[in-house]
Amino acid sequence: MQKPRKRFLLYTIRMSWAARRQFIIVSIIGAVVVGIIAVTLIATLYHAPSCMDNKQNQGEEGIDCGGPCSHLCTPSVAAPSVRFVRQLTPVQGRTDVIAYIDNVNASAAMKGAKFTITLYGPDNIVVAKKDGTVDLPPKSTVPVFVPDFYSGFQTVARAFITFDDSSFTWYRYSDMRPVLSTSNVALSGDAAPRLTADISNPTALSLFRIPVVATVFDANNNAIAASATVLEEIPPMGSAPAVFTWNAPFPAAPAREEVIPLVPLP
């Protein structure tokens, strides 16, 4: 009677070990399957926080702005300000516009800020209106010159500029643009004024197609004339001449001139 019982116990032990081994194998396979499913779901459904996910997360000050993002939240940045905007009549029947835009932020820049310039007559009727864009480097004054803004003989009493705040996208920028210097500014001629200046490039690389704006002011600091040109190339460690001309006398005696080269934002 002992032998059958011993065989039964041995069979039971063997069966228990086989069942445990099967359970272990099934458990391992199940864990692998669950792991694969979890990884697939995470990859499919989970998106790591970023500066383009339309959510305020990862320490951002607003939705996708501030904190670790390069874009800055508009409320935390000083808005651009208009130093002046003035209509000019270099010849009868033509109106130009010159404006100075200030960006007082030391490390915030903006590309393509949209603006609208409107000319009004003496009766506050709109004479002409045009849209444009301007780049604003950090800590800068940017002249906006629009030649031949209006052609016609309707009297223009004032000019006004407004910005489209919805177009503002400020971003952090350490201003590493080359600082171009202006020298040898000279104004000559009365009947057909001519303004010349040298624009110097302190870098070891050539600079191409650099816009330059010249503005002439009277003794009351009012802009009385403006013009613009583009320097096709300024050689490395060298300079290029900028020349501005007008076909008619200025409406007032010139007191000073400003020549501002505009280095584009990258």
C-alpha atoms as a PDB file:
ATOM      1  CA  MET A   1       0.000   0.000   0.000  1.00  0.00           C
ATOM      2  CA  GLN A   2       2.981   2.325   0.491  1.00  0.00           C
ATOM      3  CA  LYS A   3       4.117   2.185  -3.101  1.00  0.00           C
ATOM      4  CA  PRO A   4       0.927   3.544  -4.715  1.00  0.00           C
ATOM      5  CA  ARG A   5       0.758   6.334  -2.162  1.00  0.00           C
ATOM      6  CA  LYS A   6       4.378   7.260  -2.754  1.00  0.00           C
ATOM      7  CA  ARG A   7       3.773   7.305  -6.485  1.00  0.00           C
ATOM      8  CA  PHE A   8       0.705   9.501  -5.972  1.00  0.00           C
ATOM      9  CA  LEU A   9       2.674  11.971  -3.848  1.00  0.00           C
ATOM     10  CA  LEU A  10       5.481  12.078  -6.420  1.00  0.00           C
ATOM     11  CA  TYR A  11       2.943  12.643  -9.191  1.00  0.00           C
ATOM     12  CA  THR A  12       1.322  15.408  -7.158  1.00  0.00           C
ATOM     13  CA  ILE A  13       4.661  17.104  -6.562  1.00  0.00           C
ATOM     14  CA  ARG A  14       5.541  16.854 -10.246  1.00  0.00           C
ATOM     15  CA  MET A  15       2.187  18.280 -11.216  1.00  0.00           C
ATOM     16  CA  SER A  16       2.591  21.136  -8.735  1.00  0.00           C
ATOM     17  CA  TRP A  17       6.013  22.029 -10.134  1.00  0.00           C
ATOM     18  CA  ALA A  18       4.714  21.878 -13.709  1.00  0.00           C
ATOM     19  CA  ALA A  19       1.799  24.101 -12.762  1.00  0.00           C
ATOM     20  CA  ARG A  20       4.078  26.597 -11.057  1.00  0.00           C
ATOM     21  CA  ARG A  21       6.436  26.675 -14.026  1.00  0.00           C
ATOM     22  CA  GLN A  22       3.499  27.194 -16.361  1.00  0.00           C
ATOM     23  CA  PHE A  23       2.182  29.945 -14.126  1.00  0.00           C
ATOM     24  CA  ILE A  24       5.588  31.660 -14.121  1.00  0.00           C
ATOM     25  CA  ILE A  25       5.852  31.459 -17.901  1.00  0.00           C
ATOM     26  CA  VAL A  26       2.317  32.762 -18.371  1.00  0.00           C
ATOM     27  CA  SER A  27       3.003  35.563 -15.875  1.00  0.00           C
ATOM     28  CA  ILE A  28       6.161  36.614 -17.703  1.00  0.00           C
ATOM     29  CA  ILE A  29       4.383  36.593 -21.053  1.00  0.00           C
ATOM     30  CA  GLY A  30       1.484  38.542 -19.536  1.00  0.00           C
ATOM     31  CA  ALA A  31       3.840  41.125 -18.038  1.00  0.00           C
ATOM     32  CA  VAL A  32       5.576  41.577 -21.404  1.00  0.00           C
ATOM     33  CA  VAL A  33       2.230  42.007 -23.162  1.00  0.00           C
ATOM     34  CA  VAL A  34       1.024  44.484 -20.547  1.00  0.00           C
ATOM     35  CA  GLY A  35       4.310  46.378 -20.851  1.00  0.00           C
ATOM     36  CA  ILE A  36       4.016  46.559 -24.630  1.00  0.00           C
ATOM     37  CA  ILE A  37       0.416  47.775 -24.361  1.00  0.00           C
ATOM     38  CA  ALA A  38       1.390  50.373 -21.735  1.00  0.00           C
ATOM     39  CA  VAL A  39       4.282  51.676 -23.835  1.00  0.00           C
ATOM     40  CA  THR A  40       2.034  51.834 -26.902  1.00  0.00           C
ATOM     41  CA  LEU A  41      -0.665  53.713 -25.014  1.00  0.00           C
ATOM     42  CA  ILE A  42       1.838  56.138 -23.511  1.00  0.00           C
ATOM     43  CA  ALA A  43       3.419  56.790 -26.904  1.00  0.00           C
ATOM     44  CA  THR A  44      -0.022  57.258 -28.451  1.00  0.00           C
ATOM     45  CA  LEU A  45      -1.878  59.191 -25.775  1.00  0.00           C
ATOM     46  CA  TYR A  46       0.809  60.983 -23.749  1.00  0.00           C
ATOM     47  CA  HIS A  47       2.545  64.053 -25.079  1.00  0.00           C
ATOM     48  CA  ALA A  48       5.409  65.569 -23.143  1.00  0.00           C
ATOM     49  CA  PRO A  49       4.837  69.210 -22.159  1.00  0.00           C
ATOM     50  CA  SER A  50       6.221  71.623 -24.747  1.00  0.00           C
ATOM     51  CA  CYS A  51       6.064  75.258 -25.790  1.00  0.00           C
ATOM     52  CA  MET A  52       3.691  74.379 -28.642  1.00  0.00           C
ATOM     53  CA  ASP A  53       1.006  72.270 -26.961  1.00  0.00           C
ATOM     54  CA  ASN A  54      -1.499  75.103 -26.356  1.00  0.00           C
ATOM     55  CA  LYS A  55      -1.364  74.448 -22.611  1.00  0.00           C
ATOM     56  CA  GLN A  56       0.087  76.318 -19.672  1.00  0.00           C
ATOM     57  CA  ASN A  57       2.456  73.819 -18.097  1.00  0.00           C
ATOM     58  CA  GLN A  58       6.139  73.198 -17.277  1.00  0.00           C
ATOM     59  CA  GLY A  59       6.441  76.482 -15.384  1.00  0.00           C
ATOM     60  CA  GLU A  60       5.143  78.693 -18.209  1.00  0.00           C
ATOM     61  CA  GLU A  61       3.807  82.142 -17.312  1.00  0.00           C
ATOM     62  CA  GLY A  62       1.019  81.810 -19.880  1.00  0.00           C
ATOM     63  CA  ILE A  63      -0.016  79.411 -22.617  1.00  0.00           C
ATOM     64  CA  ASP A  64       3.209  78.456 -24.405  1.00  0.00           C
ATOM     65  CA  CYS A  65       5.005  81.620 -23.275  1.00  0.00           C
ATOM     66  CA  GLY A  66       7.382  82.624 -20.520  1.00  0.00           C
ATOM     67  CA  GLY A  67       9.257  80.262 -18.232  1.00  0.00           C
ATOM     68  CA  PRO A  68      11.270  77.786 -20.329  1.00  0.00           C
ATOM     69  CA  CYS A  69       9.749  79.013 -23.620  1.00  0.00           C
ATOM     70  CA  SER A  70      11.596  81.370 -25.940  1.00  0.00           C
ATOM     71  CA  HIS A  71       8.366  83.230 -26.660  1.00  0.00           C
ATOM     72  CA  LEU A  72       7.484  85.793 -24.014  1.00  0.00           C
ATOM     73  CA  CYS A  73       4.026  86.538 -22.662  1.00  0.00           C
ATOM     74  CA  THR A  74       2.853  89.883 -24.036  1.00  0.00           C
ATOM     75  CA  PRO A  75       1.693  91.253 -20.625  1.00  0.00           C
ATOM     76  CA  SER A  76       5.231  90.829 -19.260  1.00  0.00           C
ATOM     77  CA  VAL A  77       6.812  92.883 -22.062  1.00  0.00           C
ATOM     78  CA  ALA A  78       6.634  96.644 -22.592  1.00  0.00           C
ATOM     79  CA  ALA A  79       4.596  97.432 -25.690  1.00  0.00           C
ATOM     80  CA  PRO A  80       6.289  99.292 -28.565  1.00  0.00           C
ATOM     81  CA  SER A  81       5.806 103.034 -28.406  1.00  0.00           C
ATOM     82  CA  VAL A  82       5.601 105.637 -31.149  1.00  0.00           C
ATOM     83  CA  ARG A  83       8.076 108.442 -30.639  1.00  0.00           C
ATOM     84  CA  PHE A  84       6.565 110.423 -33.490  1.00  0.00           C
ATOM     85  CA  VAL A  85       4.807 109.991 -36.828  1.00  0.00           C
ATOM     86  CA  ARG A  86       4.837 112.812 -39.340  1.00  0.00           C
ATOM     87  CA  GLN A  87       3.613 113.429 -42.851  1.00  0.00           C
ATOM     88  CA  LEU A  88       6.059 115.054 -45.269  1.00  0.00           C
ATOM     89  CA  THR A  89       5.494 116.795 -48.616  1.00  0.00           C
ATOM     90  CA  PRO A  90       8.776 116.642 -50.547  1.00  0.00           C
ATOM     91  CA  VAL A  91       7.027 117.836 -53.728  1.00  0.00           C
ATOM     92  CA  GLN A  92       3.540 119.088 -54.410  1.00  0.00           C
ATOM     93  CA  GLY A  93       0.991 116.311 -54.747  1.00  0.00           C
ATOM     94  CA  ARG A  94       3.054 113.690 -52.878  1.00  0.00           C
ATOM     95  CA  THR A  95       2.981 112.769 -49.205  1.00  0.00           C
ATOM     96  CA  ASP A  96       5.622 110.626 -47.485  1.00  0.00           C
ATOM     97  CA  VAL A  97       5.445 109.370 -43.902  1.00  0.00           C
ATOM     98  CA  ILE A  98       8.240 108.981 -41.367  1.00  0.00           C
ATOM     99  CA  ALA A  99       7.768 107.413 -37.905  1.00  0.00           C
ATOM    100  CA  TYR A 100      10.103 106.362 -35.100  1.00  0.00           C
ATOM    101  CA  ILE A 101       9.164 103.229 -33.129  1.00  0.00           C
ATOM    102  CA  ASP A 102      10.837 102.519 -29.774  1.00  0.00           C
ATOM    103  CA  ASN A 103      11.356  99.089 -28.224  1.00  0.00           C
ATOM    104  CA  VAL A 104      12.556  99.700 -24.658  1.00  0.00           C
ATOM    105  CA  ASN A 105      12.865  96.003 -23.769  1.00  0.00           C
ATOM    106  CA  ALA A 106      16.479  95.002 -23.160  1.00  0.00           C
ATOM    107  CA  SER A 107      16.163  91.346 -24.152  1.00  0.00           C
ATOM    108  CA  ALA A 108      12.876  91.040 -26.036  1.00  0.00           C
ATOM    109  CA  ALA A 109      12.543  91.261 -29.799  1.00  0.00           C
ATOM    110  CA  MET A 110       9.673  90.959 -32.231  1.00  0.00           C
ATOM    111  CA  LYS A 111       9.489  90.238 -35.942  1.00  0.00           C
ATOM    112  CA  GLY A 112       6.676  91.366 -38.178  1.00  0.00           C
ATOM    113  CA  ALA A 113       4.706  93.591 -35.812  1.00  0.00           C
ATOM    114  CA  LYS A 114       1.703  94.741 -37.846  1.00  0.00           C
ATOM    115  CA  PHE A 115       0.780  98.411 -37.951  1.00  0.00           C
ATOM    116  CA  THR A 116      -1.583 100.731 -39.783  1.00  0.00           C
ATOM    117  CA  ILE A 117      -0.744 104.318 -40.736  1.00  0.00           C
ATOM    118  CA  THR A 118      -3.692 106.624 -41.391  1.00  0.00           C
ATOM    119  CA  LEU A 119      -3.627 110.124 -42.861  1.00  0.00           C
ATOM    120  CA  TYR A 120      -6.403 112.521 -41.851  1.00  0.00           C
ATOM    121  CA  GLY A 121      -7.555 115.735 -43.441  1.00  0.00           C
ATOM    122  CA  PRO A 122      -8.446 118.941 -41.529  1.00  0.00           C
ATOM    123  CA  ASP A 123     -12.031 117.712 -41.123  1.00  0.00           C
ATOM    124  CA  ASN A 124     -10.870 114.363 -39.649  1.00  0.00           C
ATOM    125  CA  ILE A 125     -11.805 112.552 -42.849  1.00  0.00           C
ATOM    126  CA  VAL A 126      -9.449 109.677 -43.723  1.00  0.00           C
ATOM    127  CA  VAL A 127      -7.307 110.650 -46.688  1.00  0.00           C
ATOM    128  CA  ALA A 128      -5.248 107.469 -46.996  1.00  0.00           C
ATOM    129  CA  LYS A 129      -4.504 104.326 -45.027  1.00  0.00           C
ATOM    130  CA  LYS A 130      -1.811 101.658 -45.387  1.00  0.00           C
ATOM    131  CA  ASP A 131      -0.718  98.581 -43.470  1.00  0.00           C
ATOM    132  CA  GLY A 132       2.825  97.414 -42.859  1.00  0.00           C
ATOM    133  CA  THR A 133       5.106  95.397 -40.618  1.00  0.00           C
ATOM    134  CA  VAL A 134       8.234  96.230 -38.665  1.00  0.00           C
ATOM    135  CA  ASP A 135      10.921  94.243 -36.848  1.00  0.00           C
ATOM    136  CA  LEU A 136      11.835  95.498 -33.382  1.00  0.00           C
ATOM    137  CA  PRO A 137      15.261  94.507 -32.047  1.00  0.00           C
ATOM    138  CA  PRO A 138      15.884  94.861 -28.299  1.00  0.00           C
ATOM    139  CA  LYS A 139      16.555  98.354 -26.934  1.00  0.00           C
ATOM    140  CA  SER A 140      16.177 100.055 -30.280  1.00  0.00           C
ATOM    141  CA  THR A 141      14.604 102.928 -32.159  1.00  0.00           C
ATOM    142  CA  VAL A 142      13.426 101.816 -35.583  1.00  0.00           C
ATOM    143  CA  PRO A 143      12.520 104.367 -38.250  1.00  0.00           C
ATOM    144  CA  VAL A 144       9.605 103.488 -40.524  1.00  0.00           C
ATOM    145  CA  PHE A 145       9.719 105.438 -43.775  1.00  0.00           C
ATOM    146  CA  VAL A 146       6.956 105.082 -46.365  1.00  0.00           C
ATOM    147  CA  PRO A 147       7.665 107.110 -49.514  1.00  0.00           C
ATOM    148  CA  ASP A 148       4.793 108.226 -51.740  1.00  0.00           C
ATOM    149  CA  PHE A 149       2.251 107.201 -49.113  1.00  0.00           C
ATOM    150  CA  TYR A 150      -0.388 109.361 -50.777  1.00  0.00           C
ATOM    151  CA  SER A 151      -0.502 110.933 -54.220  1.00  0.00           C
ATOM    152  CA  GLY A 152      -3.047 113.717 -54.549  1.00  0.00           C
ATOM    153  CA  PHE A 153      -3.779 117.288 -53.606  1.00  0.00           C
ATOM    154  CA  GLN A 154      -6.096 116.759 -50.666  1.00  0.00           C
ATOM    155  CA  THR A 155      -4.741 118.497 -47.565  1.00  0.00           C
ATOM    156  CA  VAL A 156      -3.208 116.162 -44.977  1.00  0.00           C
ATOM    157  CA  ALA A 157      -3.471 117.548 -41.451  1.00  0.00           C
ATOM    158  CA  ARG A 158      -1.975 114.730 -39.427  1.00  0.00           C
ATOM    159  CA  ALA A 159      -0.727 111.157 -39.492  1.00  0.00           C
ATOM    160  CA  PHE A 160      -1.485 108.448 -36.962  1.00  0.00           C
ATOM    161  CA  ILE A 161      -0.068 104.951 -36.449  1.00  0.00           C
ATOM    162  CA  THR A 162      -1.681 102.049 -34.595  1.00  0.00           C
ATOM    163  CA  PHE A 163      -0.408  98.535 -33.888  1.00  0.00           C
ATOM    164  CA  ASP A 164      -2.298  95.267 -34.177  1.00  0.00           C
ATOM    165  CA  ASP A 165      -1.662  93.778 -30.732  1.00  0.00           C
ATOM    166  CA  SER A 166      -2.819  90.348 -31.905  1.00  0.00           C
ATOM    167  CA  SER A 167       0.233  90.177 -34.188  1.00  0.00           C
ATOM    168  CA  PHE A 168       2.673  90.578 -31.303  1.00  0.00           C
ATOM    169  CA  THR A 169       4.948  87.599 -30.753  1.00  0.00           C
ATOM    170  CA  TRP A 170       7.781  88.608 -28.468  1.00  0.00           C
ATOM    171  CA  TYR A 171      10.751  86.319 -27.967  1.00  0.00           C
ATOM    172  CA  ARG A 172      13.920  86.335 -25.911  1.00  0.00           C
ATOM    173  CA  TYR A 173      16.872  87.649 -27.866  1.00  0.00           C
ATOM    174  CA  SER A 174      20.356  88.558 -26.760  1.00  0.00           C
ATOM    175  CA  ASP A 175      21.160  91.272 -29.240  1.00  0.00           C
ATOM    176  CA  MET A 176      24.231  89.885 -30.984  1.00  0.00           C
ATOM    177  CA  ARG A 177      23.643  91.757 -34.225  1.00  0.00           C
ATOM    178  CA  PRO A 178      26.591  93.799 -35.480  1.00  0.00           C
ATOM    179  CA  VAL A 179      26.497  97.409 -34.328  1.00  0.00           C
ATOM    180  CA  LEU A 180      26.968  99.541 -37.433  1.00  0.00           C
ATOM    181  CA  SER A 181      28.348 103.008 -36.910  1.00  0.00           C
ATOM    182  CA  THR A 182      27.625 106.159 -38.895  1.00  0.00           C
ATOM    183  CA  SER A 183      30.229 108.815 -39.570  1.00  0.00           C
ATOM    184  CA  ASN A 184      31.011 111.764 -41.839  1.00  0.00           C
ATOM    185  CA  VAL A 185      27.378 112.871 -42.043  1.00  0.00           C
ATOM    186  CA  ALA A 186      27.232 115.895 -44.329  1.00  0.00           C
ATOM    187  CA  LEU A 187      24.304 117.883 -45.720  1.00  0.00           C
ATOM    188  CA  SER A 188      24.780 120.189 -48.679  1.00  0.00           C
ATOM    189  CA  GLY A 189      22.686 122.097 -51.183  1.00  0.00           C
ATOM    190  CA  ASP A 190      19.596 124.225 -50.712  1.00  0.00           C
ATOM    191  CA  ALA A 191      17.573 123.898 -53.900  1.00  0.00           C
ATOM    192  CA  ALA A 192      18.288 120.149 -54.158  1.00  0.00           C
ATOM    193  CA  PRO A 193      19.596 118.963 -50.778  1.00  0.00           C
ATOM    194  CA  ARG A 194      22.065 116.071 -50.652  1.00  0.00           C
ATOM    195  CA  LEU A 195      22.964 114.092 -47.544  1.00  0.00           C
ATOM    196  CA  THR A 196      25.929 111.718 -47.392  1.00  0.00           C
ATOM    197  CA  ALA A 197      27.236 109.417 -44.654  1.00  0.00           C
ATOM    198  CA  ASP A 198      29.595 106.493 -44.209  1.00  0.00           C
ATOM    199  CA  ILE A 199      28.233 103.276 -42.687  1.00  0.00           C
ATOM    200  CA  SER A 200      30.924 101.117 -41.061  1.00  0.00           C
ATOM    201  CA  ASN A 201      30.880  97.351 -40.568  1.00  0.00           C
ATOM    202  CA  PRO A 202      32.952  96.191 -37.549  1.00  0.00           C
ATOM    203  CA  THR A 203      32.584  92.468 -38.275  1.00  0.00           C
ATOM    204  CA  ALA A 204      34.802  90.061 -40.206  1.00  0.00           C
ATOM    205  CA  LEU A 205      31.972  89.231 -42.622  1.00  0.00           C
ATOM    206  CA  SER A 206      30.412  91.173 -45.458  1.00  0.00           C
ATOM    207  CA  LEU A 207      26.918  92.496 -44.833  1.00  0.00           C
ATOM    208  CA  PHE A 208      24.457  92.601 -47.703  1.00  0.00           C
ATOM    209  CA  ARG A 209      21.383  94.686 -48.517  1.00  0.00           C
ATOM    210  CA  ILE A 210      21.364  96.855 -45.417  1.00  0.00           C
ATOM    211  CA  PRO A 211      18.519  99.430 -45.398  1.00  0.00           C
ATOM    212  CA  VAL A 212      19.462 102.915 -44.200  1.00  0.00           C
ATOM    213  CA  VAL A 213      17.011 105.685 -43.294  1.00  0.00           C
ATOM    214  CA  ALA A 214      17.938 109.362 -43.079  1.00  0.00           C
ATOM    215  CA  THR A 215      15.798 111.937 -41.275  1.00  0.00           C
ATOM    216  CA  VAL A 216      16.314 115.701 -41.187  1.00  0.00           C
ATOM    217  CA  PHE A 217      14.995 117.749 -38.247  1.00  0.00           C
ATOM    218  CA  ASP A 218      14.434 121.467 -37.750  1.00  0.00           C
ATOM    219  CA  ALA A 219      15.339 123.533 -34.688  1.00  0.00           C
ATOM    220  CA  ASN A 220      12.115 122.450 -32.951  1.00  0.00           C
ATOM    221  CA  ASN A 221      13.042 118.774 -33.397  1.00  0.00           C
ATOM    222  CA  ASN A 222      10.325 118.241 -35.984  1.00  0.00           C
ATOM    223  CA  ALA A 223      11.075 115.920 -38.900  1.00  0.00           C
ATOM    224  CA  ILE A 224      11.078 117.979 -42.092  1.00  0.00           C
ATOM    225  CA  ALA A 225      12.479 115.446 -44.580  1.00  0.00           C
ATOM    226  CA  ALA A 226      13.291 111.763 -44.835  1.00  0.00           C
ATOM    227  CA  SER A 227      14.696 109.338 -47.342  1.00  0.00           C
ATOM    228  CA  ALA A 228      15.918 105.754 -47.528  1.00  0.00           C
ATOM    229  CA  THR A 229      18.416 103.685 -49.451  1.00  0.00           C
ATOM    230  CA  VAL A 230      19.788 100.152 -49.455  1.00  0.00           C
ATOM    231  CA  LEU A 231      23.504  99.412 -49.286  1.00  0.00           C
ATOM    232  CA  GLU A 232      24.114  96.354 -51.427  1.00  0.00           C
ATOM    233  CA  GLU A 233      27.284  95.408 -49.520  1.00  0.00           C
ATOM    234  CA  ILE A 234      29.350  96.693 -46.636  1.00  0.00           C
ATOM    235  CA  PRO A 235      32.771  94.973 -46.690  1.00  0.00           C
ATOM    236  CA  PRO A 236      34.222  93.358 -43.552  1.00  0.00           C
ATOM    237  CA  MET A 237      35.992  95.843 -41.301  1.00  0.00           C
ATOM    238  CA  GLY A 238      35.138  98.489 -43.869  1.00  0.00           C
ATOM    239  CA  SER A 239      32.513 101.048 -44.779  1.00  0.00           C
ATOM    240  CA  ALA A 240      30.142 101.992 -47.581  1.00  0.00           C
ATOM    241  CA  PRO A 241      28.775 105.429 -48.532  1.00  0.00           C
ATOM    242  CA  ALA A 242      25.080 106.167 -48.176  1.00  0.00           C
ATOM    243  CA  VAL A 243      23.663 108.966 -50.332  1.00  0.00           C
ATOM    244  CA  PHE A 244      20.244 110.643 -49.986  1.00  0.00           C
ATOM    245  CA  THR A 245      18.888 113.330 -52.291  1.00  0.00           C
ATOM    246  CA  TRP A 246      15.785 115.538 -52.517  1.00  0.00           C
ATOM    247  CA  ASN A 247      14.509 117.358 -55.571  1.00  0.00           C
ATOM    248  CA  ALA A 248      13.128 120.390 -53.730  1.00  0.00           C
ATOM    249  CA  PRO A 249      14.192 122.629 -50.823  1.00  0.00           C
ATOM    250  CA  PHE A 250      13.265 121.635 -47.275  1.00  0.00           C
ATOM    251  CA  PRO A 251      10.204 123.416 -45.838  1.00  0.00           C
ATOM    252  CA  ALA A 252      12.293 124.717 -42.912  1.00  0.00           C
ATOM    253  CA  ALA A 253      15.930 125.251 -42.056  1.00  0.00           C
ATOM    254  CA  PRO A 254      17.636 121.955 -41.136  1.00  0.00           C
ATOM    255  CA  ALA A 255      19.164 121.795 -37.665  1.00  0.00           C
ATOM    256  CA  ARG A 256      20.354 118.189 -37.440  1.00  0.00           C
ATOM    257  CA  GLU A 257      20.328 114.877 -39.283  1.00  0.00           C
ATOM    258  CA  GLU A 258      20.021 111.251 -38.194  1.00  0.00           C
ATOM    259  CA  VAL A 259      21.199 108.357 -40.357  1.00  0.00           C
ATOM    260  CA  ILE A 260      20.136 104.940 -39.039  1.00  0.00           C
ATOM    261  CA  PRO A 261      21.205 101.627 -40.615  1.00  0.00           C
ATOM    262  CA  LEU A 262      18.757  98.785 -40.024  1.00  0.00           C
ATOM    263  CA  VAL A 263      20.379  95.407 -39.332  1.00  0.00           C
ATOM    264  CA  PRO A 264      17.713  92.714 -39.889  1.00  0.00           C
ATOM    265  CA  LEU A 265      16.828  90.316 -37.090  1.00  0.00           C
ATOM    266  CA  PRO A 266      17.953  86.735 -37.788  1.00  0.00           C
END
